[in-house]
């Protein structure tokens, strides 16, 4: 399943390297990460990574197939 994750603010290049499995782009006031999330463990692992880095996830949504 593919997901899109929107994080408040513009993430630095260093922060985006913490998510090598996801592609990124910046829109006004947010960084958008997107890509394949393999299973529930991967999903929760991503959430924990965002939290441990102090990032605020504004939206986490599944993309259409």
PDB file of N, CA and C in Angstrom:
ATOM      1  N   UNK A   1       0.842  -1.178   0.000  1.00  0.00           N
ATOM      2  CA  UNK A   1       0.000   0.000   0.000  1.00  0.00           C
ATOM      3  C   UNK A   1       0.887   1.240   0.000  1.00  0.00           C
ATOM      4  N   UNK A   2       0.459   2.226  -0.751  1.00  0.00           N
ATOM      5  CA  UNK A   2       1.193   3.490  -0.804  1.00  0.00           C
ATOM      6  C   UNK A   2       0.490   4.514   0.095  1.00  0.00           C
ATOM      7  N   UNK A   3       1.311   5.311   0.772  1.00  0.00           N
ATOM      8  CA  UNK A   3       0.798   6.318   1.687  1.00  0.00           C
ATOM      9  C   UNK A   3       1.438   7.663   1.400  1.00  0.00           C
ATOM     10  N   UNK A   4       0.721   8.708   1.794  1.00  0.00           N
ATOM     11  CA  UNK A   4       1.233  10.077   1.766  1.00  0.00           C
ATOM     12  C   UNK A   4       1.199  10.589   3.192  1.00  0.00           C
ATOM     13  N   UNK A   5       2.308  11.155   3.630  1.00  0.00           N
ATOM     14  CA  UNK A   5       2.423  11.688   4.985  1.00  0.00           C
ATOM     15  C   UNK A   5       2.788  13.158   4.878  1.00  0.00           C
ATOM     16  N   UNK A   6       2.004  14.009   5.492  1.00  0.00           N
ATOM     17  CA  UNK A   6       2.281  15.449   5.497  1.00  0.00           C
ATOM     18  C   UNK A   6       2.748  15.855   6.892  1.00  0.00           C
ATOM     19  N   UNK A   7       3.915  16.487   6.913  1.00  0.00           N
ATOM     20  CA  UNK A   7       4.542  16.920   8.153  1.00  0.00           C
ATOM     21  C   UNK A   7       4.580  18.439   8.161  1.00  0.00           C
ATOM     22  N   UNK A   8       4.237  19.041   9.290  1.00  0.00           N
ATOM     23  CA  UNK A   8       4.280  20.499   9.390  1.00  0.00           C
ATOM     24  C   UNK A   8       5.714  20.988   9.272  1.00  0.00           C
ATOM     25  N   UNK A   9       5.905  22.042   8.491  1.00  0.00           N
ATOM     26  CA  UNK A   9       7.214  22.651   8.322  1.00  0.00           C
ATOM     27  C   UNK A   9       8.018  22.006   7.208  1.00  0.00           C
ATOM     28  N   UNK A  10       9.159  22.612   6.914  1.00  0.00           N
ATOM     29  CA  UNK A  10      10.048  22.096   5.881  1.00  0.00           C
ATOM     30  C   UNK A  10      11.150  21.276   6.558  1.00  0.00           C
ATOM     31  N   UNK A  11      11.163  19.980   6.268  1.00  0.00           N
ATOM     32  CA  UNK A  11      12.168  19.103   6.860  1.00  0.00           C
ATOM     33  C   UNK A  11      13.526  19.353   6.201  1.00  0.00           C
ATOM     34  N   UNK A  12      14.578  19.308   6.996  1.00  0.00           N
ATOM     35  CA  UNK A  12      15.932  19.461   6.460  1.00  0.00           C
ATOM     36  C   UNK A  12      16.323  18.201   5.691  1.00  0.00           C
ATOM     37  N   UNK A  13      17.365  18.314   4.891  1.00  0.00           N
ATOM     38  CA  UNK A  13      17.879  17.146   4.168  1.00  0.00           C
ATOM     39  C   UNK A  13      18.290  16.050   5.147  1.00  0.00           C
ATOM     40  N   UNK A  14      18.852  16.456   6.276  1.00  0.00           N
ATOM     41  CA  UNK A  14      19.264  15.488   7.297  1.00  0.00           C
ATOM     42  C   UNK A  14      18.069  14.708   7.844  1.00  0.00           C
ATOM     43  N   UNK A  15      16.970  15.398   8.092  1.00  0.00           N
ATOM     44  CA  UNK A  15      15.776  14.715   8.599  1.00  0.00           C
ATOM     45  C   UNK A  15      15.177  13.782   7.554  1.00  0.00           C
ATOM     46  N   UNK A  16      15.164  14.195   6.297  1.00  0.00           N
ATOM     47  CA  UNK A  16      14.566  13.333   5.276  1.00  0.00           C
ATOM     48  C   UNK A  16      15.375  12.047   5.087  1.00  0.00           C
ATOM     49  N   UNK A  17      16.673  12.073   5.403  1.00  0.00           N
ATOM     50  CA  UNK A  17      17.467  10.837   5.288  1.00  0.00           C
ATOM     51  C   UNK A  17      17.058   9.802   6.325  1.00  0.00           C
ATOM     52  N   UNK A  18      16.301  10.200   7.342  1.00  0.00           N
ATOM     53  CA  UNK A  18      15.785   9.251   8.331  1.00  0.00           C
ATOM     54  C   UNK A  18      14.662   8.400   7.754  1.00  0.00           C
ATOM     55  N   UNK A  19      14.208   8.750   6.543  1.00  0.00           N
ATOM     56  CA  UNK A  19      13.118   8.041   5.880  1.00  0.00           C
ATOM     57  C   UNK A  19      13.553   7.646   4.465  1.00  0.00           C
ATOM     58  N   UNK A  20      14.564   6.784   4.344  1.00  0.00           N
ATOM     59  CA  UNK A  20      15.117   6.469   3.014  1.00  0.00           C
ATOM     60  C   UNK A  20      14.130   5.749   2.097  1.00  0.00           C
ATOM     61  N   UNK A  21      13.113   5.120   2.674  1.00  0.00           N
ATOM     62  CA  UNK A  21      12.151   4.383   1.859  1.00  0.00           C
ATOM     63  C   UNK A  21      11.063   5.273   1.264  1.00  0.00           C
ATOM     64  N   UNK A  22      11.072   6.558   1.634  1.00  0.00           N
ATOM     65  CA  UNK A  22      10.042   7.481   1.178  1.00  0.00           C
ATOM     66  C   UNK A  22      10.642   8.589   0.321  1.00  0.00           C
ATOM     67  N   UNK A  23       9.893   9.034  -0.680  1.00  0.00           N
ATOM     68  CA  UNK A  23      10.258  10.194  -1.478  1.00  0.00           C
ATOM     69  C   UNK A  23       9.641  11.426  -0.829  1.00  0.00           C
ATOM     70  N   UNK A  24      10.217  12.596  -1.099  1.00  0.00           N
ATOM     71  CA  UNK A  24       9.730  13.821  -0.458  1.00  0.00           C
ATOM     72  C   UNK A  24       9.641  14.971  -1.450  1.00  0.00           C
ATOM     73  N   UNK A  25       8.762  15.904  -1.121  1.00  0.00           N
ATOM     74  CA  UNK A  25       8.739  17.210  -1.772  1.00  0.00           C
ATOM     75  C   UNK A  25       8.131  18.198  -0.789  1.00  0.00           C
ATOM     76  N   UNK A  26       8.370  19.467  -1.036  1.00  0.00           N
ATOM     77  CA  UNK A  26       7.925  20.515  -0.118  1.00  0.00           C
ATOM     78  C   UNK A  26       6.812  21.321  -0.780  1.00  0.00           C
ATOM     79  N   UNK A  27       5.775  21.593   0.000  1.00  0.00           N
ATOM     80  CA  UNK A  27       4.707  22.511  -0.380  1.00  0.00           C
ATOM     81  C   UNK A  27       4.710  23.604   0.683  1.00  0.00           C
ATOM     82  N   UNK A  28       3.994  24.701   0.477  1.00  0.00           N
ATOM     83  CA  UNK A  28       4.011  25.758   1.494  1.00  0.00           C
ATOM     84  C   UNK A  28       3.647  25.228   2.889  1.00  0.00           C
ATOM     85  N   UNK A  29       4.559  25.418   3.810  1.00  0.00           N
ATOM     86  CA  UNK A  29       4.376  25.110   5.235  1.00  0.00           C
ATOM     87  C   UNK A  29       4.374  23.618   5.572  1.00  0.00           C
ATOM     88  N   UNK A  30       4.660  22.745   4.610  1.00  0.00           N
ATOM     89  CA  UNK A  30       4.654  21.307   4.880  1.00  0.00           C
ATOM     90  C   UNK A  30       5.684  20.584   4.028  1.00  0.00           C
ATOM     91  N   UNK A  31       6.120  19.438   4.532  1.00  0.00           N
ATOM     92  CA  UNK A  31       6.900  18.492   3.748  1.00  0.00           C
ATOM     93  C   UNK A  31       6.012  17.281   3.515  1.00  0.00           C
ATOM     94  N   UNK A  32       5.969  16.805   2.279  1.00  0.00           N
ATOM     95  CA  UNK A  32       5.161  15.651   1.919  1.00  0.00           C
ATOM     96  C   UNK A  32       6.098  14.482   1.650  1.00  0.00           C
ATOM     97  N   UNK A  33       5.871  13.384   2.342  1.00  0.00           N
ATOM     98  CA  UNK A  33       6.610  12.153   2.114  1.00  0.00           C
ATOM     99  C   UNK A  33       5.620  11.139   1.565  1.00  0.00           C
ATOM    100  N   UNK A  34       6.077  10.294   0.651  1.00  0.00           N
ATOM    101  CA  UNK A  34       5.161   9.313   0.074  1.00  0.00           C
ATOM    102  C   UNK A  34       5.939   8.083  -0.361  1.00  0.00           C
ATOM    103  N   UNK A  35       5.230   6.961  -0.343  1.00  0.00           N
ATOM    104  CA  UNK A  35       5.855   5.725  -0.794  1.00  0.00           C
ATOM    105  C   UNK A  35       5.152   4.507  -0.235  1.00  0.00           C
ATOM    106  N   UNK A  36       5.785   3.386  -0.460  1.00  0.00           N
ATOM    107  CA  UNK A  36       5.243   2.080  -0.065  1.00  0.00           C
ATOM    108  C   UNK A  36       5.396   1.880   1.442  1.00  0.00           C
ATOM    109  N   UNK A  37       4.312   1.447   2.077  1.00  0.00           N
ATOM    110  CA  UNK A  37       4.334   1.022   3.481  1.00  0.00           C
ATOM    111  C   UNK A  37       3.924  -0.440   3.464  1.00  0.00           C
ATOM    112  N   UNK A  38       4.844  -1.302   3.832  1.00  0.00           N
ATOM    113  CA  UNK A  38       4.687  -2.736   3.607  1.00  0.00           C
ATOM    114  C   UNK A  38       3.647  -3.422   4.483  1.00  0.00           C
ATOM    115  N   UNK A  39       3.576  -3.024   5.745  1.00  0.00           N
ATOM    116  CA  UNK A  39       2.662  -3.703   6.657  1.00  0.00           C
ATOM    117  C   UNK A  39       2.432  -2.829   7.886  1.00  0.00           C
ATOM    118  N   UNK A  40       1.666  -3.361   8.825  1.00  0.00           N
ATOM    119  CA  UNK A  40       1.317  -2.599  10.027  1.00  0.00           C
ATOM    120  C   UNK A  40       2.547  -2.244  10.853  1.00  0.00           C
ATOM    121  N   UNK A  41       3.504  -3.151  10.940  1.00  0.00           N
ATOM    122  CA  UNK A  41       4.733  -2.887  11.700  1.00  0.00           C
ATOM    123  C   UNK A  41       5.506  -1.719  11.080  1.00  0.00           C
ATOM    124  N   UNK A  42       5.577  -1.682   9.764  1.00  0.00           N
ATOM    125  CA  UNK A  42       6.251  -0.577   9.063  1.00  0.00           C
ATOM    126  C   UNK A  42       5.516   0.735   9.324  1.00  0.00           C
ATOM    127  N   UNK A  43       4.186   0.701   9.258  1.00  0.00           N
ATOM    128  CA  UNK A  43       3.350   1.871   9.518  1.00  0.00           C
ATOM    129  C   UNK A  43       3.655   2.456  10.900  1.00  0.00           C
ATOM    130  N   UNK A  44       3.610   1.604  11.932  1.00  0.00           N
ATOM    131  CA  UNK A  44       3.852   2.086  13.289  1.00  0.00           C
ATOM    132  C   UNK A  44       5.307   2.482  13.497  1.00  0.00           C
ATOM    133  N   UNK A  45       6.223   1.814  12.802  1.00  0.00           N
ATOM    134  CA  UNK A  45       7.625   2.206  12.864  1.00  0.00           C
ATOM    135  C   UNK A  45       7.845   3.608  12.318  1.00  0.00           C
ATOM    136  N   UNK A  46       7.160   3.930  11.219  1.00  0.00           N
ATOM    137  CA  UNK A  46       7.242   5.279  10.668  1.00  0.00           C
ATOM    138  C   UNK A  46       6.715   6.308  11.663  1.00  0.00           C
ATOM    139  N   UNK A  47       5.570   6.014  12.252  1.00  0.00           N
ATOM    140  CA  UNK A  47       5.011   6.947  13.241  1.00  0.00           C
ATOM    141  C   UNK A  47       5.971   7.173  14.398  1.00  0.00           C
ATOM    142  N   UNK A  48       6.606   6.124  14.860  1.00  0.00           N
ATOM    143  CA  UNK A  48       7.564   6.244  15.967  1.00  0.00           C
ATOM    144  C   UNK A  48       8.779   7.076  15.546  1.00  0.00           C
ATOM    145  N   UNK A  49       9.239   6.901  14.308  1.00  0.00           N
ATOM    146  CA  UNK A  49      10.367   7.708  13.817  1.00  0.00           C
ATOM    147  C   UNK A  49      10.002   9.186  13.773  1.00  0.00           C
ATOM    148  N   UNK A  50       8.804   9.499  13.255  1.00  0.00           N
ATOM    149  CA  UNK A  50       8.372  10.893  13.229  1.00  0.00           C
ATOM    150  C   UNK A  50       8.344  11.464  14.640  1.00  0.00           C
ATOM    151  N   UNK A  51       7.771  10.711  15.564  1.00  0.00           N
ATOM    152  CA  UNK A  51       7.667  11.171  16.945  1.00  0.00           C
ATOM    153  C   UNK A  51       9.033  11.357  17.582  1.00  0.00           C
ATOM    154  N   UNK A  52       9.933  10.412  17.387  1.00  0.00           N
ATOM    155  CA  UNK A  52      11.253  10.497  18.020  1.00  0.00           C
ATOM    156  C   UNK A  52      12.069  11.674  17.485  1.00  0.00           C
ATOM    157  N   UNK A  53      11.772  12.113  16.272  1.00  0.00           N
ATOM    158  CA  UNK A  53      12.465  13.261  15.683  1.00  0.00           C
ATOM    159  C   UNK A  53      11.755  14.577  15.979  1.00  0.00           C
ATOM    160  N   UNK A  54      10.654  14.525  16.731  1.00  0.00           N
ATOM    161  CA  UNK A  54       9.931  15.729  17.110  1.00  0.00           C
ATOM    162  C   UNK A  54       9.145  16.349  15.978  1.00  0.00           C
ATOM    163  N   UNK A  55       8.755  15.525  14.993  1.00  0.00           N
ATOM    164  CA  UNK A  55       8.009  16.029  13.839  1.00  0.00           C
ATOM    165  C   UNK A  55       6.514  15.876  14.070  1.00  0.00           C
ATOM    166  N   UNK A  56       5.751  16.888  13.655  1.00  0.00           N
ATOM    167  CA  UNK A  56       4.297  16.833  13.805  1.00  0.00           C
ATOM    168  C   UNK A  56       3.674  16.349  12.503  1.00  0.00           C
ATOM    169  N   UNK A  57       3.060  15.173  12.533  1.00  0.00           N
ATOM    170  CA  UNK A  57       2.383  14.624  11.362  1.00  0.00           C
ATOM    171  C   UNK A  57       0.993  15.247  11.283  1.00  0.00           C
ATOM    172  N   UNK A  58       0.768  16.015  10.221  1.00  0.00           N
ATOM    173  CA  UNK A  58      -0.524  16.676  10.030  1.00  0.00           C
ATOM    174  C   UNK A  58      -1.524  15.741   9.368  1.00  0.00           C
ATOM    175  N   UNK A  59      -1.019  14.833   8.507  1.00  0.00           N
ATOM    176  CA  UNK A  59      -1.916  13.916   7.795  1.00  0.00           C
ATOM    177  C   UNK A  59      -1.141  12.673   7.385  1.00  0.00           C
ATOM    178  N   UNK A  60      -1.787  11.531   7.493  1.00  0.00           N
ATOM    179  CA  UNK A  60      -1.213  10.247   7.080  1.00  0.00           C
ATOM    180  C   UNK A  60      -2.339   9.535   6.355  1.00  0.00           C
ATOM    181  N   UNK A  61      -2.239   9.445   5.025  1.00  0.00           N
ATOM    182  CA  UNK A  61      -3.369   8.866   4.296  1.00  0.00           C
ATOM    183  C   UNK A  61      -2.909   7.853   3.252  1.00  0.00           C
ATOM    184  N   UNK A  62      -3.764   6.881   3.038  1.00  0.00           N
ATOM    185  CA  UNK A  62      -3.517   5.855   2.033  1.00  0.00           C
ATOM    186  C   UNK A  62      -3.845   6.415   0.657  1.00  0.00           C
ATOM    187  N   UNK A  63      -2.953   6.159  -0.297  1.00  0.00           N
ATOM    188  CA  UNK A  63      -3.174   6.599  -1.665  1.00  0.00           C
ATOM    189  C   UNK A  63      -3.914   5.522  -2.443  1.00  0.00           C
ATOM    190  N   UNK A  64      -4.707   5.919  -3.423  1.00  0.00           N
ATOM    191  CA  UNK A  64      -5.415   4.917  -4.228  1.00  0.00           C
ATOM    192  C   UNK A  64      -4.416   4.027  -4.980  1.00  0.00           C
ATOM    193  N   UNK A  65      -4.812   2.800  -5.179  1.00  0.00           N
ATOM    194  CA  UNK A  65      -3.957   1.846  -5.893  1.00  0.00           C
ATOM    195  C   UNK A  65      -3.826   2.196  -7.347  1.00  0.00           C
TER     196      UNK A  65
END
